[in-house]
Amino acid sequence: MSAGDVISQQQFATTAITTRIAFALELARRLHQYGTTAPRLEMAVAGVAQRLGLSADVWSSPTAIIISFSDLAQGGEEGVAQTTQVMRLAPGEVNLERLCQADDIADRAIAGELDLREGFRLMRELGRPDTRREKIGSIVSYGLSAASIAALFLHSSWVDLVVAAVIGVIIGCITLLAGSRPQLAVASDAICALVATTVAIVVSAFVVPLAIKSVVLASLIILVPGMSLTTAVREISSQHLVSGMARMGGAMSTLLKLTFGTIAATQLCAAFGIKARDFALPALPTWTDYPALLVAAIAFAILFRAAKRDWPVVIVAVVVGYLATRWGGQISSSLSGAPVGVFLGGLLLGAMANVYARYAQRPGAVIREPGILLLVPGSVGFRSVSFLMERDTTLSLDTGLLLITLLVSLVAGLMFGDLLISPRRSL
């Protein structure tokens, strides 16, 4: 135990144990709500509890947190908790601004700059509903993300890009409505896929020909659980097996719902005699990759609710991650290019996140989470399940194997990034 921990424990020795526990619990709740992975959440909460003069055994999963507390000042039997708290929570979503605010409140409270009761109150205020401006920004980010992905990875035409952006905005509206309607939230993924595919087919049949699969994939890209799959593998590799497997199951159920929605829409349109004119128009010129990359970076900054002061950092992270992955793929053979590129991108972003956390004294998630979004193989998983539902088992197995390879490469890159520059902060 460091000298700082001893001083901090002495500082909070006279503070009521219920106050200290309440602060630690509220911190855990906010970290979970804002998308912190199980290993980092457990480490952060246990570290804060120790500085508050508590011993905490923390167990985190995507839908629950269990924490056992004991007061270090009172001694007691080793391994016997004085109180245990169970919190049932909905799966969290990344919100970088509020994550940074929670981290700052915890740092100030531990340093003695903020009374624990005041810190608890500030933590509770972070749970306020989104403002109207934040909701509109989130909807717009869905459309910008869809358009940028259509240009960057699918090399679609201008028409495909515009239609994907419009469908993305529609999906953003549905997702926003689902946030306050539990019954809609259960089926929102399938509904979004159904709507996206139907709109694409109708536009292609009656307005202008489209590359249907590319438009649908680009418009659904934010819902495809590539980040969840990556987080699941990261948690499993760090021996957080329950959380990792639960997150993996949730990601697979999302993939199945998205695939069902697309197939149901296709069958529905066929039943009404609506036939899409499915062929690709001339692709965008190569120079559009760079404006599309900038648009994607801005869209991710909005999507992950980054504070305005962090926008330049987020944009740099997205650009560096994409360019590193692209460069890594080019220097290797065509067969192994994608996994090598993803590994190098994950390695660079993992190291950058730790450097940023060390010197800026802010969560490394500001770089790590948006930076790897263009690297996660969510679209590969979606295609694998789609091929399986279409009974094309050969393509499904091949694509599934590629998915596993990319996931392992990305997680290995992030782990080696932590080895290259060791993290000094839990977040």
Protein backbone atom coordinates (compact mmCIF):
# COMPACT_ATOMS: atom_id res chain seq x y z
CA MET A 1 0.00 0.00 0.00
CA SER A 2 1.40 3.39 -0.99
CA ALA A 3 1.89 6.35 1.37
CA GLY A 4 -0.86 8.22 -0.54
CA ASP A 5 -3.34 5.43 0.17
CA VAL A 6 -2.50 5.49 3.91
CA ILE A 7 -2.94 9.28 4.08
CA SER A 8 -6.22 9.07 2.15
CA GLN A 9 -7.56 6.36 4.47
CA GLN A 10 -6.71 8.44 7.51
CA GLN A 11 -8.43 11.43 5.91
CA PHE A 12 -11.74 9.54 5.50
CA ALA A 13 -11.49 7.58 8.79
CA THR A 14 -14.00 9.91 10.47
CA THR A 15 -16.47 9.88 7.56
CA ALA A 16 -19.49 7.63 8.06
CA ILE A 17 -19.11 4.28 6.34
CA THR A 18 -22.54 4.64 4.74
CA THR A 19 -21.42 7.87 3.07
CA ARG A 20 -18.29 6.26 1.71
CA ILE A 21 -20.19 3.22 0.48
CA ALA A 22 -22.86 5.39 -1.16
CA PHE A 23 -20.21 7.33 -3.05
CA ALA A 24 -18.47 4.15 -4.26
CA LEU A 25 -21.79 2.62 -5.33
CA GLU A 26 -22.83 5.71 -7.27
CA LEU A 27 -19.44 5.78 -9.01
CA ALA A 28 -19.87 2.12 -10.00
CA ARG A 29 -23.36 2.84 -11.30
CA ARG A 30 -22.17 5.73 -13.48
CA LEU A 31 -19.14 3.89 -14.84
CA HIS A 32 -21.38 0.97 -15.82
CA GLN A 33 -23.97 3.29 -17.36
CA TYR A 34 -21.34 5.00 -19.50
CA GLY A 35 -19.99 1.83 -21.06
CA THR A 36 -16.96 0.91 -18.92
CA THR A 37 -15.82 -2.69 -19.39
CA ALA A 38 -15.92 -5.11 -16.46
CA PRO A 39 -12.13 -5.29 -15.81
CA ARG A 40 -11.71 -1.50 -15.79
CA LEU A 41 -14.83 -0.90 -13.71
CA GLU A 42 -13.82 -3.43 -11.08
CA MET A 43 -10.31 -2.03 -10.88
CA ALA A 44 -11.50 1.58 -10.68
CA VAL A 45 -14.13 1.00 -7.99
CA ALA A 46 -11.83 -1.19 -5.88
CA GLY A 47 -9.10 1.47 -6.10
CA VAL A 48 -11.45 4.29 -5.08
CA ALA A 49 -12.85 2.21 -2.22
CA GLN A 50 -9.35 1.58 -0.89
CA ARG A 51 -8.58 5.30 -0.95
CA LEU A 52 -11.80 5.83 1.03
CA GLY A 53 -10.66 3.39 3.71
CA LEU A 54 -12.78 0.50 2.46
CA SER A 55 -12.03 -2.97 1.19
CA ALA A 56 -14.25 -3.79 -1.80
CA ASP A 57 -14.72 -7.01 -3.75
CA VAL A 58 -16.35 -5.98 -7.02
CA TRP A 59 -18.10 -8.22 -9.54
CA SER A 60 -19.42 -6.62 -12.72
CA SER A 61 -21.46 -7.98 -15.61
CA PRO A 62 -23.34 -6.27 -18.47
CA THR A 63 -26.58 -6.27 -16.43
CA ALA A 64 -25.55 -6.25 -12.76
CA ILE A 65 -22.91 -5.21 -10.23
CA ILE A 66 -22.28 -6.90 -6.86
CA ILE A 67 -19.94 -5.21 -4.36
CA SER A 68 -18.98 -6.39 -0.87
CA PHE A 69 -17.57 -3.76 1.50
CA SER A 70 -15.67 -3.85 4.77
CA ASP A 71 -14.16 -0.96 6.74
CA LEU A 72 -10.35 -1.18 6.88
CA ALA A 73 -10.25 0.99 10.01
CA GLN A 74 -12.45 -1.42 11.96
CA GLY A 75 -10.45 -4.50 11.10
CA GLY A 76 -12.56 -7.64 11.32
CA GLU A 77 -12.18 -11.15 10.01
CA GLU A 78 -10.19 -11.40 6.81
CA GLY A 79 -12.38 -12.10 3.79
CA VAL A 80 -15.64 -11.43 5.68
CA ALA A 81 -17.67 -8.50 4.28
CA GLN A 82 -19.64 -6.15 6.50
CA THR A 83 -22.19 -5.29 3.81
CA THR A 84 -22.97 -6.41 0.27
CA GLN A 85 -24.81 -4.38 -2.34
CA VAL A 86 -26.47 -5.74 -5.50
CA MET A 87 -27.41 -3.41 -8.37
CA ARG A 88 -29.49 -4.55 -11.34
CA LEU A 89 -28.61 -2.35 -14.31
CA ALA A 90 -29.36 -2.12 -18.00
CA PRO A 91 -26.38 -2.56 -20.36
CA GLY A 92 -24.48 0.71 -20.61
CA GLU A 93 -23.66 2.86 -23.62
CA VAL A 94 -20.50 4.88 -24.11
CA ASN A 95 -20.87 8.51 -23.04
CA LEU A 96 -17.39 10.01 -22.97
CA GLU A 97 -18.32 13.41 -21.56
CA ARG A 98 -20.13 12.03 -18.53
CA LEU A 99 -17.48 9.32 -18.06
CA CYS A 100 -14.85 12.06 -17.83
CA GLN A 101 -17.05 14.01 -15.42
CA ALA A 102 -17.50 10.98 -13.17
CA ASP A 103 -13.74 10.36 -13.23
CA ASP A 104 -13.06 14.01 -12.34
CA ILE A 105 -15.56 13.97 -9.45
CA ALA A 106 -13.94 10.82 -8.04
CA ASP A 107 -10.44 12.32 -8.31
CA ARG A 108 -11.51 15.55 -6.59
CA ALA A 109 -13.31 13.69 -3.80
CA ILE A 110 -10.33 11.43 -3.10
CA ALA A 111 -7.97 14.43 -3.11
CA GLY A 112 -10.10 16.13 -0.48
CA GLU A 113 -11.14 18.97 -2.77
CA LEU A 114 -14.76 17.84 -2.66
CA ASP A 115 -16.89 16.62 0.21
CA LEU A 116 -18.13 13.07 -0.30
CA ARG A 117 -21.76 14.09 0.10
CA GLU A 118 -21.31 16.82 -2.49
CA GLY A 119 -19.51 14.34 -4.75
CA PHE A 120 -22.41 11.90 -4.37
CA ARG A 121 -24.85 14.65 -5.33
CA LEU A 122 -22.81 15.55 -8.41
CA MET A 123 -22.65 11.89 -9.40
CA ARG A 124 -26.42 11.61 -9.15
CA GLU A 125 -26.85 14.68 -11.35
CA LEU A 126 -24.93 12.92 -14.12
CA GLY A 127 -27.95 10.64 -14.54
CA ARG A 128 -30.06 13.49 -15.91
CA PRO A 129 -31.96 12.82 -19.19
CA ASP A 130 -30.42 13.91 -22.46
CA THR A 131 -31.25 17.39 -23.64
CA ARG A 132 -33.14 17.99 -26.87
CA ARG A 133 -29.91 19.15 -28.51
CA GLU A 134 -28.12 15.95 -27.48
CA LYS A 135 -30.95 13.81 -28.87
CA ILE A 136 -30.90 15.64 -32.22
CA GLY A 137 -27.12 15.32 -32.36
CA SER A 138 -27.37 11.57 -31.74
CA ILE A 139 -29.88 11.17 -34.58
CA VAL A 140 -27.69 13.17 -36.96
CA SER A 141 -24.65 11.08 -36.01
CA TYR A 142 -26.44 7.93 -37.21
CA GLY A 143 -26.91 9.47 -40.65
CA LEU A 144 -23.33 10.79 -40.86
CA SER A 145 -21.91 7.45 -39.73
CA ALA A 146 -23.92 5.54 -42.35
CA ALA A 147 -22.82 7.89 -45.14
CA SER A 148 -19.14 7.81 -44.15
CA ILE A 149 -19.06 4.01 -43.86
CA ALA A 150 -20.69 3.71 -47.30
CA ALA A 151 -17.90 5.84 -48.74
CA LEU A 152 -14.94 4.44 -46.75
CA PHE A 153 -15.47 0.69 -46.78
CA LEU A 154 -18.16 -0.08 -49.35
CA HIS A 155 -17.01 2.38 -52.06
CA SER A 156 -20.61 3.10 -52.94
CA SER A 157 -22.01 5.69 -55.33
CA TRP A 158 -23.28 9.14 -54.39
CA VAL A 159 -26.85 7.87 -54.56
CA ASP A 160 -26.11 4.95 -52.23
CA LEU A 161 -24.41 7.34 -49.82
CA VAL A 162 -27.39 9.72 -49.67
CA VAL A 163 -29.94 6.93 -49.23
CA ALA A 164 -27.81 5.29 -46.51
CA ALA A 165 -27.63 8.63 -44.68
CA VAL A 166 -31.41 9.11 -44.83
CA ILE A 167 -32.04 5.57 -43.59
CA GLY A 168 -29.47 6.14 -40.85
CA VAL A 169 -31.42 9.16 -39.62
CA ILE A 170 -34.63 7.09 -39.60
CA ILE A 171 -32.88 4.40 -37.56
CA GLY A 172 -31.60 7.05 -35.18
CA CYS A 173 -35.19 8.21 -34.60
CA ILE A 174 -36.36 4.64 -33.93
CA THR A 175 -33.48 4.04 -31.52
CA LEU A 176 -34.28 7.27 -29.67
CA LEU A 177 -37.94 6.27 -29.31
CA ALA A 178 -36.92 2.82 -28.08
CA GLY A 179 -34.90 4.40 -25.27
CA SER A 180 -38.09 5.44 -23.46
CA ARG A 181 -40.31 2.53 -24.54
CA PRO A 182 -39.20 -0.83 -23.09
CA GLN A 183 -41.50 -2.91 -25.30
CA LEU A 184 -40.16 -1.24 -28.44
CA ALA A 185 -36.58 -1.54 -27.19
CA VAL A 186 -36.79 -5.35 -27.13
CA ALA A 187 -37.51 -5.53 -30.85
CA SER A 188 -35.88 -2.27 -31.99
CA ASP A 189 -32.95 -3.98 -33.74
CA ALA A 190 -35.24 -6.18 -35.84
CA ILE A 191 -37.54 -3.22 -36.57
CA CYS A 192 -34.61 -1.05 -37.66
CA ALA A 193 -33.34 -3.77 -40.00
CA LEU A 194 -36.85 -4.29 -41.36
CA VAL A 195 -37.31 -0.57 -42.02
CA ALA A 196 -33.83 -0.11 -43.51
CA THR A 197 -34.18 -2.99 -45.94
CA THR A 198 -37.73 -2.05 -46.93
CA VAL A 199 -36.80 1.57 -47.64
CA ALA A 200 -33.76 0.52 -49.66
CA ILE A 201 -35.78 -1.93 -51.78
CA VAL A 202 -38.62 0.53 -52.37
CA VAL A 203 -36.24 3.33 -53.39
CA SER A 204 -34.36 0.96 -55.67
CA ALA A 205 -37.57 -0.30 -57.26
CA PHE A 206 -39.31 3.02 -57.88
CA VAL A 207 -36.72 5.82 -57.71
CA VAL A 208 -33.13 4.89 -58.56
CA PRO A 209 -31.14 1.63 -58.65
CA LEU A 210 -29.07 0.90 -55.55
CA ALA A 211 -26.48 -1.57 -54.31
CA ILE A 212 -28.98 -2.97 -51.78
CA LYS A 213 -26.62 -4.92 -49.52
CA SER A 214 -24.15 -2.06 -49.28
CA VAL A 215 -26.84 0.50 -48.45
CA VAL A 216 -28.46 -1.71 -45.82
CA LEU A 217 -25.14 -2.61 -44.21
CA ALA A 218 -23.98 1.02 -44.10
CA SER A 219 -27.27 2.23 -42.60
CA LEU A 220 -27.24 -0.49 -39.92
CA ILE A 221 -23.53 -0.24 -39.11
CA ILE A 222 -24.04 1.56 -35.78
CA LEU A 223 -26.41 -1.18 -34.59
CA VAL A 224 -24.11 -4.02 -35.62
CA PRO A 225 -22.47 -5.13 -32.34
CA GLY A 226 -18.85 -5.03 -33.43
CA MET A 227 -17.84 -3.08 -30.33
CA SER A 228 -19.71 -5.53 -28.09
CA LEU A 229 -18.00 -8.51 -29.71
CA THR A 230 -14.60 -6.87 -29.26
CA THR A 231 -15.33 -6.01 -25.62
CA ALA A 232 -16.52 -9.57 -25.01
CA VAL A 233 -13.28 -11.05 -26.31
CA ARG A 234 -11.26 -8.54 -24.28
CA GLU A 235 -13.11 -9.53 -21.11
CA ILE A 236 -12.77 -13.24 -21.79
CA SER A 237 -9.04 -12.84 -22.45
CA SER A 238 -8.67 -11.06 -19.08
CA GLN A 239 -10.45 -13.96 -17.28
CA HIS A 240 -13.71 -12.07 -16.75
CA LEU A 241 -15.53 -15.08 -18.16
CA VAL A 242 -19.08 -14.46 -16.97
CA SER A 243 -19.16 -10.86 -18.21
CA GLY A 244 -17.44 -11.76 -21.49
CA MET A 245 -19.75 -14.67 -22.30
CA ALA A 246 -22.84 -12.66 -21.35
CA ARG A 247 -21.75 -9.82 -23.60
CA MET A 248 -20.99 -12.29 -26.39
CA GLY A 249 -24.49 -13.76 -26.06
CA GLY A 250 -26.03 -10.30 -26.22
CA ALA A 251 -24.03 -9.45 -29.34
CA MET A 252 -25.05 -12.67 -31.07
CA SER A 253 -28.73 -12.06 -30.26
CA THR A 254 -28.43 -8.58 -31.80
CA LEU A 255 -26.89 -10.06 -34.94
CA LEU A 256 -29.73 -12.56 -35.19
CA LYS A 257 -32.39 -9.85 -34.79
CA LEU A 258 -30.76 -7.66 -37.43
CA THR A 259 -30.49 -10.57 -39.83
CA PHE A 260 -34.10 -11.59 -39.23
CA GLY A 261 -35.25 -8.03 -39.93
CA THR A 262 -33.44 -7.86 -43.28
CA ILE A 263 -34.73 -11.26 -44.41
CA ALA A 264 -38.28 -10.48 -43.27
CA ALA A 265 -38.24 -7.21 -45.22
CA THR A 266 -36.97 -8.98 -48.34
CA GLN A 267 -39.73 -11.58 -48.13
CA LEU A 268 -42.36 -8.94 -47.42
CA CYS A 269 -41.41 -6.88 -50.47
CA ALA A 270 -41.36 -10.02 -52.60
CA ALA A 271 -44.88 -10.88 -51.39
CA PHE A 272 -46.12 -7.47 -52.61
CA GLY A 273 -44.31 -7.86 -55.92
CA ILE A 274 -41.74 -5.12 -55.23
CA LYS A 275 -38.52 -6.05 -56.99
CA ALA A 276 -35.40 -4.02 -56.43
CA ARG A 277 -33.11 -2.99 -59.27
CA ASP A 278 -30.01 -4.20 -57.49
CA PHE A 279 -26.87 -3.10 -59.30
CA ALA A 280 -24.06 -0.75 -58.43
CA LEU A 281 -23.73 2.71 -59.96
CA PRO A 282 -20.26 4.19 -60.59
CA ALA A 283 -18.31 4.27 -57.35
CA LEU A 284 -17.09 7.41 -55.64
CA PRO A 285 -13.60 8.65 -56.58
CA THR A 286 -10.78 7.61 -54.27
CA TRP A 287 -10.16 11.15 -53.01
CA THR A 288 -13.50 11.04 -51.19
CA ASP A 289 -12.02 8.63 -48.63
CA TYR A 290 -10.38 11.46 -46.73
CA PRO A 291 -13.43 13.75 -46.39
CA ALA A 292 -15.45 10.64 -45.48
CA LEU A 293 -12.89 9.77 -42.78
CA LEU A 294 -13.19 13.26 -41.30
CA VAL A 295 -17.00 13.04 -41.35
CA ALA A 296 -16.82 9.63 -39.66
CA ALA A 297 -14.56 11.02 -36.92
CA ILE A 298 -16.96 13.89 -36.23
CA ALA A 299 -19.93 11.51 -36.28
CA PHE A 300 -18.24 9.23 -33.73
CA ALA A 301 -17.43 12.21 -31.49
CA ILE A 302 -21.15 13.06 -31.48
CA LEU A 303 -22.26 9.42 -31.18
CA PHE A 304 -20.04 8.78 -28.15
CA ARG A 305 -21.10 12.12 -26.60
CA ALA A 306 -17.56 13.46 -26.34
CA ALA A 307 -17.15 16.92 -24.80
CA LYS A 308 -16.31 19.70 -27.26
CA ARG A 309 -12.82 20.01 -25.75
CA ASP A 310 -12.20 16.33 -26.60
CA TRP A 311 -13.32 16.51 -30.23
CA PRO A 312 -9.80 17.12 -31.62
CA VAL A 313 -8.49 14.14 -29.63
CA VAL A 314 -11.32 11.90 -30.84
CA ILE A 315 -10.83 12.98 -34.47
CA VAL A 316 -7.08 12.31 -34.29
CA ALA A 317 -7.73 8.87 -32.73
CA VAL A 318 -10.20 7.84 -35.45
CA VAL A 319 -7.93 9.08 -38.26
CA VAL A 320 -4.79 7.48 -36.81
CA GLY A 321 -6.54 4.17 -36.17
CA TYR A 322 -7.94 3.98 -39.70
CA LEU A 323 -4.71 5.02 -41.43
CA ALA A 324 -2.62 2.61 -39.32
CA THR A 325 -4.97 -0.24 -40.19
CA ARG A 326 -4.94 0.67 -43.86
CA TRP A 327 -1.15 1.01 -43.96
CA GLY A 328 -0.70 -2.28 -42.09
CA GLY A 329 -2.94 -4.05 -44.57
CA GLN A 330 -1.03 -2.64 -47.54
CA ILE A 331 2.42 -3.72 -46.36
CA SER A 332 1.35 -7.34 -45.89
CA SER A 333 0.00 -9.84 -48.35
CA SER A 334 -3.60 -9.65 -49.54
CA LEU A 335 -4.48 -12.82 -47.61
CA SER A 336 -3.29 -11.67 -44.18
CA GLY A 337 -3.51 -7.93 -44.76
CA ALA A 338 -6.71 -7.25 -42.85
CA PRO A 339 -5.73 -9.02 -39.59
CA VAL A 340 -2.24 -7.46 -39.62
CA GLY A 341 -3.67 -4.02 -40.22
CA VAL A 342 -6.25 -4.42 -37.45
CA PHE A 343 -3.52 -5.62 -35.06
CA LEU A 344 -1.33 -2.60 -35.80
CA GLY A 345 -4.27 -0.24 -35.43
CA GLY A 346 -5.23 -1.75 -32.07
CA LEU A 347 -1.61 -1.66 -30.89
CA LEU A 348 -1.21 2.01 -31.75
CA LEU A 349 -4.55 3.06 -30.28
CA GLY A 350 -3.99 1.09 -27.06
CA ALA A 351 -0.62 2.77 -26.54
CA MET A 352 -1.98 6.21 -27.44
CA ALA A 353 -4.87 5.83 -24.99
CA ASN A 354 -2.51 5.00 -22.14
CA VAL A 355 -0.20 7.92 -22.97
CA TYR A 356 -3.19 10.27 -23.07
CA ALA A 357 -4.54 8.96 -19.74
CA ARG A 358 -1.12 9.27 -18.13
CA TYR A 359 -0.34 12.84 -19.13
CA ALA A 360 -3.79 14.41 -19.57
CA GLN A 361 -5.18 12.81 -16.37
CA ARG A 362 -8.36 11.89 -18.23
CA PRO A 363 -9.82 8.48 -19.16
CA GLY A 364 -8.00 6.76 -22.01
CA ALA A 365 -11.45 5.71 -23.28
CA VAL A 366 -11.60 9.13 -24.98
CA ILE A 367 -9.09 7.76 -27.51
CA ARG A 368 -9.64 4.03 -27.26
CA GLU A 369 -13.41 3.70 -27.77
CA PRO A 370 -14.01 5.92 -30.84
CA GLY A 371 -10.61 5.02 -32.27
CA ILE A 372 -11.32 1.31 -32.60
CA LEU A 373 -14.84 1.72 -33.98
CA LEU A 374 -13.60 1.61 -37.58
CA LEU A 375 -11.50 -1.45 -36.70
CA VAL A 376 -14.16 -3.65 -35.07
CA PRO A 377 -15.39 -6.43 -37.40
CA GLY A 378 -19.10 -5.99 -36.77
CA SER A 379 -20.04 -5.98 -40.44
CA VAL A 380 -18.19 -9.29 -40.92
CA GLY A 381 -20.30 -10.89 -38.19
CA PHE A 382 -23.47 -9.52 -39.76
CA ARG A 383 -22.53 -10.98 -43.13
CA SER A 384 -21.66 -14.34 -41.57
CA VAL A 385 -25.07 -14.67 -39.91
CA SER A 386 -26.80 -13.42 -43.09
CA PHE A 387 -25.12 -16.11 -45.18
CA LEU A 388 -26.11 -18.72 -42.59
CA MET A 389 -29.76 -17.61 -42.69
CA GLU A 390 -29.62 -17.83 -46.49
CA ARG A 391 -28.33 -21.43 -46.10
CA ASP A 392 -24.97 -20.63 -47.68
CA THR A 393 -22.97 -22.48 -45.06
CA THR A 394 -19.66 -22.33 -46.92
CA LEU A 395 -19.59 -18.55 -47.13
CA SER A 396 -20.94 -18.32 -43.58
CA LEU A 397 -18.12 -20.45 -42.19
CA ASP A 398 -15.48 -18.58 -44.18
CA THR A 399 -16.81 -15.21 -43.01
CA GLY A 400 -17.15 -16.47 -39.44
CA LEU A 401 -13.51 -17.57 -39.46
CA LEU A 402 -12.50 -14.13 -40.70
CA LEU A 403 -14.56 -12.59 -37.89
CA ILE A 404 -12.70 -14.63 -35.27
CA THR A 405 -9.35 -13.76 -36.83
CA LEU A 406 -10.10 -10.03 -36.84
CA LEU A 407 -11.42 -10.09 -33.26
CA VAL A 408 -8.32 -11.90 -32.00
CA SER A 409 -6.06 -9.51 -33.95
CA LEU A 410 -7.75 -6.41 -32.54
CA VAL A 411 -7.79 -7.63 -28.95
CA ALA A 412 -4.17 -8.76 -29.23
CA GLY A 413 -3.25 -5.31 -30.55
CA LEU A 414 -4.95 -3.60 -27.59
CA MET A 415 -3.26 -5.96 -25.12
CA PHE A 416 0.18 -5.40 -26.64
CA GLY A 417 -0.53 -1.67 -26.59
CA ASP A 418 -1.00 -1.94 -22.80
CA LEU A 419 2.32 -3.79 -22.59
CA LEU A 420 4.08 -1.16 -24.71
CA ILE A 421 2.77 1.73 -22.58
CA SER A 422 1.49 0.50 -19.25
CA PRO A 423 -1.77 2.10 -18.10
CA ARG A 424 -1.62 4.14 -14.89
CA ARG A 425 -5.36 4.80 -14.70
CA SER A 426 -8.14 2.23 -14.54
CA LEU A 427 -10.29 3.96 -17.15
